[in-house]
Amino acid sequence: GILENQCTVVYFPIEDQKNRGFHIKK
């Protein structure tokens, strides 16, 4: 909730992926 107040958060499942998440600017 804290993060969502600061930016747009996209939740997605990717199995067998080392990346837990990432940040970009658009």
PDB file of all heavy atoms in Angstrom:
ATOM      1  N   GLY A   1       0.818  -1.201   0.000  1.00  0.00           N
ATOM      2  CA  GLY A   1       0.000   0.000   0.000  1.00  0.00           C
ATOM      3  C   GLY A   1       0.856   1.256   0.000  1.00  0.00           C
ATOM      4  O   GLY A   1       0.531   2.245  -0.676  1.00  0.00           O
ATOM      5  N   ILE A   2       1.962   1.213   0.744  1.00  0.00           N
ATOM      6  CA  ILE A   2       2.886   2.347   0.789  1.00  0.00           C
ATOM      7  C   ILE A   2       3.485   2.591  -0.592  1.00  0.00           C
ATOM      8  O   ILE A   2       3.577   3.728  -1.058  1.00  0.00           O
ATOM      9  CB  ILE A   2       3.998   2.081   1.829  1.00  0.00           C
ATOM     10  CG1 ILE A   2       3.395   1.990   3.230  1.00  0.00           C
ATOM     11  CG2 ILE A   2       5.071   3.170   1.772  1.00  0.00           C
ATOM     12  CD1 ILE A   2       4.335   1.424   4.271  1.00  0.00           C
ATOM     13  N   LEU A   3       3.876   1.498  -1.243  1.00  0.00           N
ATOM     14  CA  LEU A   3       4.463   1.604  -2.582  1.00  0.00           C
ATOM     15  C   LEU A   3       3.443   2.122  -3.586  1.00  0.00           C
ATOM     16  O   LEU A   3       3.755   2.970  -4.429  1.00  0.00           O
ATOM     17  CB  LEU A   3       4.994   0.237  -3.022  1.00  0.00           C
ATOM     18  CG  LEU A   3       5.695   0.160  -4.379  1.00  0.00           C
ATOM     19  CD1 LEU A   3       6.962   1.022  -4.392  1.00  0.00           C
ATOM     20  CD2 LEU A   3       6.053  -1.302  -4.712  1.00  0.00           C
ATOM     21  N   GLU A   4       2.206   1.636  -3.489  1.00  0.00           N
ATOM     22  CA  GLU A   4       1.154   2.040  -4.428  1.00  0.00           C
ATOM     23  C   GLU A   4       0.834   3.535  -4.321  1.00  0.00           C
ATOM     24  O   GLU A   4       0.364   4.142  -5.290  1.00  0.00           O
ATOM     25  CB  GLU A   4      -0.100   1.208  -4.188  1.00  0.00           C
ATOM     26  CG  GLU A   4       0.038  -0.240  -4.657  1.00  0.00           C
ATOM     27  CD  GLU A   4      -1.065  -1.142  -4.128  1.00  0.00           C
ATOM     28  OE1 GLU A   4      -1.999  -0.623  -3.465  1.00  0.00           O
ATOM     29  OE2 GLU A   4      -0.995  -2.362  -4.364  1.00  0.00           O
ATOM     30  N   ASN A   5       1.084   4.109  -3.151  1.00  0.00           N
ATOM     31  CA  ASN A   5       0.859   5.544  -2.974  1.00  0.00           C
ATOM     32  C   ASN A   5       1.945   6.392  -3.642  1.00  0.00           C
ATOM     33  O   ASN A   5       1.779   7.604  -3.803  1.00  0.00           O
ATOM     34  CB  ASN A   5       0.793   5.904  -1.491  1.00  0.00           C
ATOM     35  CG  ASN A   5      -0.497   5.465  -0.843  1.00  0.00           C
ATOM     36  OD1 ASN A   5      -1.534   5.335  -1.499  1.00  0.00           O
ATOM     37  ND2 ASN A   5      -0.463   5.226   0.460  1.00  0.00           N
ATOM     38  N   GLN A   6       3.049   5.747  -4.032  1.00  0.00           N
ATOM     39  CA  GLN A   6       4.175   6.465  -4.620  1.00  0.00           C
ATOM     40  C   GLN A   6       4.305   6.262  -6.121  1.00  0.00           C
ATOM     41  O   GLN A   6       4.998   7.022  -6.794  1.00  0.00           O
ATOM     42  CB  GLN A   6       5.485   6.032  -3.947  1.00  0.00           C
ATOM     43  CG  GLN A   6       5.531   6.268  -2.450  1.00  0.00           C
ATOM     44  CD  GLN A   6       5.403   7.738  -2.082  1.00  0.00           C
ATOM     45  OE1 GLN A   6       5.943   8.607  -2.767  1.00  0.00           O
ATOM     46  NE2 GLN A   6       4.686   8.024  -1.009  1.00  0.00           N
ATOM     47  N   CYS A   7       3.667   5.211  -6.633  1.00  0.00           N
ATOM     48  CA  CYS A   7       3.842   4.895  -8.054  1.00  0.00           C
ATOM     49  C   CYS A   7       2.749   3.942  -8.519  1.00  0.00           C
ATOM     50  O   CYS A   7       1.889   3.547  -7.738  1.00  0.00           O
ATOM     51  CB  CYS A   7       5.218   4.251  -8.275  1.00  0.00           C
ATOM     52  SG  CYS A   7       5.361   2.612  -7.511  1.00  0.00           S
ATOM     53  N   THR A   8       2.814   3.587  -9.793  1.00  0.00           N
ATOM     54  CA  THR A   8       1.924   2.552 -10.326  1.00  0.00           C
ATOM     55  C   THR A   8       2.604   1.209 -10.128  1.00  0.00           C
ATOM     56  O   THR A   8       3.751   1.023 -10.546  1.00  0.00           O
ATOM     57  CB  THR A   8       1.651   2.773 -11.831  1.00  0.00           C
ATOM     58  OG1 THR A   8       0.998   4.037 -11.999  1.00  0.00           O
ATOM     59  CG2 THR A   8       0.767   1.665 -12.386  1.00  0.00           C
ATOM     60  N   VAL A   9       1.904   0.270  -9.481  1.00  0.00           N
ATOM     61  CA  VAL A   9       2.475  -1.055  -9.212  1.00  0.00           C
ATOM     62  C   VAL A   9       1.748  -2.087 -10.057  1.00  0.00           C
ATOM     63  O   VAL A   9       0.523  -2.145 -10.076  1.00  0.00           O
ATOM     64  CB  VAL A   9       2.367  -1.429  -7.723  1.00  0.00           C
ATOM     65  CG1 VAL A   9       3.051  -2.780  -7.462  1.00  0.00           C
ATOM     66  CG2 VAL A   9       2.993  -0.354  -6.846  1.00  0.00           C
ATOM     67  N   VAL A  10       2.522  -2.883 -10.773  1.00  0.00           N
ATOM     68  CA  VAL A  10       1.973  -3.960 -11.600  1.00  0.00           C
ATOM     69  C   VAL A  10       2.411  -5.284 -10.988  1.00  0.00           C
ATOM     70  O   VAL A  10       3.606  -5.527 -10.809  1.00  0.00           O
ATOM     71  CB  VAL A  10       2.471  -3.870 -13.054  1.00  0.00           C
ATOM     72  CG1 VAL A  10       1.910  -5.018 -13.879  1.00  0.00           C
ATOM     73  CG2 VAL A  10       2.077  -2.530 -13.658  1.00  0.00           C
ATOM     74  N   TYR A  11       1.436  -6.112 -10.639  1.00  0.00           N
ATOM     75  CA  TYR A  11       1.730  -7.411 -10.046  1.00  0.00           C
ATOM     76  C   TYR A  11       1.589  -8.481 -11.116  1.00  0.00           C
ATOM     77  O   TYR A  11       0.570  -8.543 -11.816  1.00  0.00           O
ATOM     78  CB  TYR A  11       0.762  -7.706  -8.897  1.00  0.00           C
ATOM     79  CG  TYR A  11       0.827  -6.690  -7.772  1.00  0.00           C
ATOM     80  CD1 TYR A  11      -0.029  -5.591  -7.755  1.00  0.00           C
ATOM     81  CD2 TYR A  11       1.746  -6.823  -6.737  1.00  0.00           C
ATOM     82  CE1 TYR A  11       0.024  -4.651  -6.726  1.00  0.00           C
ATOM     83  CE2 TYR A  11       1.814  -5.898  -5.706  1.00  0.00           C
ATOM     84  CZ  TYR A  11       0.953  -4.817  -5.709  1.00  0.00           C
ATOM     85  OH  TYR A  11       1.012  -3.885  -4.690  1.00  0.00           O
ATOM     86  N   PHE A  12       2.620  -9.316 -11.271  1.00  0.00           N
ATOM     87  CA  PHE A  12       2.566 -10.345 -12.302  1.00  0.00           C
ATOM     88  C   PHE A  12       3.333 -11.582 -11.831  1.00  0.00           C
ATOM     89  O   PHE A  12       4.323 -11.471 -11.114  1.00  0.00           O
ATOM     90  CB  PHE A  12       3.171  -9.839 -13.616  1.00  0.00           C
ATOM     91  CG  PHE A  12       4.666  -9.620 -13.518  1.00  0.00           C
ATOM     92  CD1 PHE A  12       5.570 -10.581 -13.984  1.00  0.00           C
ATOM     93  CD2 PHE A  12       5.174  -8.467 -12.932  1.00  0.00           C
ATOM     94  CE1 PHE A  12       6.942 -10.377 -13.874  1.00  0.00           C
ATOM     95  CE2 PHE A  12       6.543  -8.267 -12.812  1.00  0.00           C
ATOM     96  CZ  PHE A  12       7.424  -9.223 -13.289  1.00  0.00           C
ATOM     97  N   PRO A  13       2.864 -12.774 -12.226  1.00  0.00           N
ATOM     98  CA  PRO A  13       3.584 -13.997 -11.848  1.00  0.00           C
ATOM     99  C   PRO A  13       4.511 -14.474 -12.969  1.00  0.00           C
ATOM    100  O   PRO A  13       4.095 -14.554 -14.124  1.00  0.00           O
ATOM    101  CB  PRO A  13       2.454 -15.005 -11.626  1.00  0.00           C
ATOM    102  CG  PRO A  13       1.393 -14.579 -12.595  1.00  0.00           C
ATOM    103  CD  PRO A  13       1.527 -13.071 -12.759  1.00  0.00           C
ATOM    104  N   ILE A  14       5.747 -14.747 -12.627  1.00  0.00           N
ATOM    105  CA  ILE A  14       6.673 -15.372 -13.576  1.00  0.00           C
ATOM    106  C   ILE A  14       7.385 -16.485 -12.827  1.00  0.00           C
ATOM    107  O   ILE A  14       8.214 -16.233 -11.947  1.00  0.00           O
ATOM    108  CB  ILE A  14       7.714 -14.378 -14.129  1.00  0.00           C
ATOM    109  CG1 ILE A  14       7.041 -13.226 -14.854  1.00  0.00           C
ATOM    110  CG2 ILE A  14       8.678 -15.098 -15.077  1.00  0.00           C
ATOM    111  CD1 ILE A  14       8.005 -12.218 -15.432  1.00  0.00           C
ATOM    112  N   GLU A  15       7.042 -17.708 -13.127  1.00  0.00           N
ATOM    113  CA  GLU A  15       7.658 -18.852 -12.464  1.00  0.00           C
ATOM    114  C   GLU A  15       9.102 -19.033 -12.935  1.00  0.00           C
ATOM    115  O   GLU A  15       9.453 -18.694 -14.064  1.00  0.00           O
ATOM    116  CB  GLU A  15       6.854 -20.129 -12.757  1.00  0.00           C
ATOM    117  CG  GLU A  15       5.413 -20.071 -12.256  1.00  0.00           C
ATOM    118  CD  GLU A  15       5.298 -19.986 -10.745  1.00  0.00           C
ATOM    119  OE1 GLU A  15       6.246 -20.403 -10.059  1.00  0.00           O
ATOM    120  OE2 GLU A  15       4.259 -19.504 -10.259  1.00  0.00           O
ATOM    121  N   ASP A  16       9.932 -19.566 -12.039  1.00  0.00           N
ATOM    122  CA  ASP A  16      11.340 -19.850 -12.352  1.00  0.00           C
ATOM    123  C   ASP A  16      12.080 -18.605 -12.854  1.00  0.00           C
ATOM    124  O   ASP A  16      12.911 -18.675 -13.748  1.00  0.00           O
ATOM    125  CB  ASP A  16      11.452 -20.972 -13.401  1.00  0.00           C
ATOM    126  CG  ASP A  16      10.842 -22.269 -12.909  1.00  0.00           C
ATOM    127  OD1 ASP A  16      10.973 -22.543 -11.695  1.00  0.00           O
ATOM    128  OD2 ASP A  16      10.250 -22.978 -13.715  1.00  0.00           O
ATOM    129  N   GLN A  17      11.759 -17.473 -12.294  1.00  0.00           N
ATOM    130  CA  GLN A  17      12.401 -16.214 -12.659  1.00  0.00           C
ATOM    131  C   GLN A  17      13.100 -15.662 -11.420  1.00  0.00           C
ATOM    132  O   GLN A  17      12.480 -15.478 -10.386  1.00  0.00           O
ATOM    133  CB  GLN A  17      11.344 -15.236 -13.173  1.00  0.00           C
ATOM    134  CG  GLN A  17      11.800 -13.799 -13.322  1.00  0.00           C
ATOM    135  CD  GLN A  17      12.918 -13.637 -14.332  1.00  0.00           C
ATOM    136  OE1 GLN A  17      14.076 -13.591 -13.964  1.00  0.00           O
ATOM    137  NE2 GLN A  17      12.555 -13.537 -15.601  1.00  0.00           N
ATOM    138  N   LYS A  18      14.404 -15.403 -11.537  1.00  0.00           N
ATOM    139  CA  LYS A  18      15.156 -14.907 -10.392  1.00  0.00           C
ATOM    140  C   LYS A  18      14.736 -13.497 -10.000  1.00  0.00           C
ATOM    141  O   LYS A  18      14.827 -13.116  -8.834  1.00  0.00           O
ATOM    142  CB  LYS A  18      16.659 -14.937 -10.707  1.00  0.00           C
ATOM    143  CG  LYS A  18      17.242 -16.332 -10.792  1.00  0.00           C
ATOM    144  CD  LYS A  18      18.749 -16.271 -11.019  1.00  0.00           C
ATOM    145  CE  LYS A  18      19.341 -17.675 -11.060  1.00  0.00           C
ATOM    146  NZ  LYS A  18      20.815 -17.649 -11.257  1.00  0.00           N
ATOM    147  N   ASN A  19      14.280 -12.721 -10.962  1.00  0.00           N
ATOM    148  CA  ASN A  19      13.924 -11.339 -10.702  1.00  0.00           C
ATOM    149  C   ASN A  19      12.656 -11.250  -9.851  1.00  0.00           C
ATOM    150  O   ASN A  19      11.590 -11.695 -10.243  1.00  0.00           O
ATOM    151  CB  ASN A  19      13.697 -10.616 -12.037  1.00  0.00           C
ATOM    152  CG  ASN A  19      13.749  -9.119 -11.890  1.00  0.00           C
ATOM    153  OD1 ASN A  19      13.461  -8.576 -10.824  1.00  0.00           O
ATOM    154  ND2 ASN A  19      14.121  -8.449 -12.956  1.00  0.00           N
ATOM    155  N   ARG A  20      12.793 -10.627  -8.666  1.00  0.00           N
ATOM    156  CA  ARG A  20      11.635 -10.464  -7.781  1.00  0.00           C
ATOM    157  C   ARG A  20      10.779  -9.265  -8.197  1.00  0.00           C
ATOM    158  O   ARG A  20       9.588  -9.210  -7.894  1.00  0.00           O
ATOM    159  CB  ARG A  20      12.102 -10.246  -6.337  1.00  0.00           C
ATOM    160  CG  ARG A  20      12.871 -11.408  -5.742  1.00  0.00           C
ATOM    161  CD  ARG A  20      13.451 -10.999  -4.409  1.00  0.00           C
ATOM    162  NE  ARG A  20      14.138 -12.095  -3.747  1.00  0.00           N
ATOM    163  CZ  ARG A  20      14.829 -11.963  -2.618  1.00  0.00           C
ATOM    164  NH1 ARG A  20      14.933 -10.780  -2.049  1.00  0.00           N
ATOM    165  NH2 ARG A  20      15.417 -13.008  -2.067  1.00  0.00           N
ATOM    166  N   GLY A  21      11.406  -8.307  -8.858  1.00  0.00           N
ATOM    167  CA  GLY A  21      10.691  -7.111  -9.267  1.00  0.00           C
ATOM    168  C   GLY A  21      11.667  -6.081  -9.809  1.00  0.00           C
ATOM    169  O   GLY A  21      12.879  -6.254  -9.702  1.00  0.00           O
ATOM    170  N   PHE A  22      11.147  -5.019 -10.397  1.00  0.00           N
ATOM    171  CA  PHE A  22      12.024  -3.972 -10.901  1.00  0.00           C
ATOM    172  C   PHE A  22      11.259  -2.666 -11.044  1.00  0.00           C
ATOM    173  O   PHE A  22      10.025  -2.632 -11.021  1.00  0.00           O
ATOM    174  CB  PHE A  22      12.668  -4.372 -12.238  1.00  0.00           C
ATOM    175  CG  PHE A  22      11.694  -4.743 -13.321  1.00  0.00           C
ATOM    176  CD1 PHE A  22      11.214  -3.782 -14.205  1.00  0.00           C
ATOM    177  CD2 PHE A  22      11.272  -6.064 -13.474  1.00  0.00           C
ATOM    178  CE1 PHE A  22      10.323  -4.117 -15.207  1.00  0.00           C
ATOM    179  CE2 PHE A  22      10.379  -6.411 -14.483  1.00  0.00           C
ATOM    180  CZ  PHE A  22       9.901  -5.441 -15.354  1.00  0.00           C
ATOM    181  N   HIS A  23      12.027  -1.591 -11.192  1.00  0.00           N
ATOM    182  CA  HIS A  23      11.469  -0.240 -11.273  1.00  0.00           C
ATOM    183  C   HIS A  23      11.859   0.391 -12.602  1.00  0.00           C
ATOM    184  O   HIS A  23      13.012   0.293 -13.019  1.00  0.00           O
ATOM    185  CB  HIS A  23      12.016   0.596 -10.104  1.00  0.00           C
ATOM    186  CG  HIS A  23      11.845   2.064 -10.278  1.00  0.00           C
ATOM    187  ND1 HIS A  23      12.917   2.930 -10.361  1.00  0.00           N
ATOM    188  CD2 HIS A  23      10.734   2.838 -10.388  1.00  0.00           C
ATOM    189  CE1 HIS A  23      12.475   4.164 -10.503  1.00  0.00           C
ATOM    190  NE2 HIS A  23      11.164   4.144 -10.528  1.00  0.00           N
ATOM    191  N   ILE A  24      10.920   1.019 -13.258  1.00  0.00           N
ATOM    192  CA  ILE A  24      11.217   1.746 -14.492  1.00  0.00           C
ATOM    193  C   ILE A  24      10.459   3.068 -14.482  1.00  0.00           C
ATOM    194  O   ILE A  24       9.532   3.266 -13.690  1.00  0.00           O
ATOM    195  CB  ILE A  24      10.831   0.951 -15.763  1.00  0.00           C
ATOM    196  CG1 ILE A  24       9.320   0.702 -15.803  1.00  0.00           C
ATOM    197  CG2 ILE A  24      11.602  -0.347 -15.866  1.00  0.00           C
ATOM    198  CD1 ILE A  24       8.841   0.134 -17.117  1.00  0.00           C
ATOM    199  N   LYS A  25      10.882   3.965 -15.364  1.00  0.00           N
ATOM    200  CA  LYS A  25      10.168   5.225 -15.557  1.00  0.00           C
ATOM    201  C   LYS A  25       9.622   5.251 -16.971  1.00  0.00           C
ATOM    202  O   LYS A  25      10.306   4.855 -17.908  1.00  0.00           O
ATOM    203  CB  LYS A  25      11.098   6.413 -15.319  1.00  0.00           C
ATOM    204  CG  LYS A  25      11.451   6.642 -13.856  1.00  0.00           C
ATOM    205  CD  LYS A  25      12.345   7.858 -13.701  1.00  0.00           C
ATOM    206  CE  LYS A  25      12.640   8.158 -12.251  1.00  0.00           C
ATOM    207  NZ  LYS A  25      11.440   8.690 -11.546  1.00  0.00           N
ATOM    208  N   LYS A  26       8.371   5.703 -17.118  1.00  0.00           N
ATOM    209  CA  LYS A  26       7.750   5.811 -18.437  1.00  0.00           C
ATOM    210  C   LYS A  26       7.087   7.175 -18.567  1.00  0.00           C
ATOM    211  O   LYS A  26       6.629   7.753 -17.583  1.00  0.00           O
ATOM    212  CB  LYS A  26       6.680   4.719 -18.617  1.00  0.00           C
ATOM    213  CG  LYS A  26       7.222   3.325 -18.867  1.00  0.00           C
ATOM    214  CD  LYS A  26       6.081   2.366 -19.159  1.00  0.00           C
ATOM    215  CE  LYS A  26       6.596   0.976 -19.512  1.00  0.00           C
ATOM    216  NZ  LYS A  26       5.486   0.042 -19.828  1.00  0.00           N
TER     217      LYS A  26
END
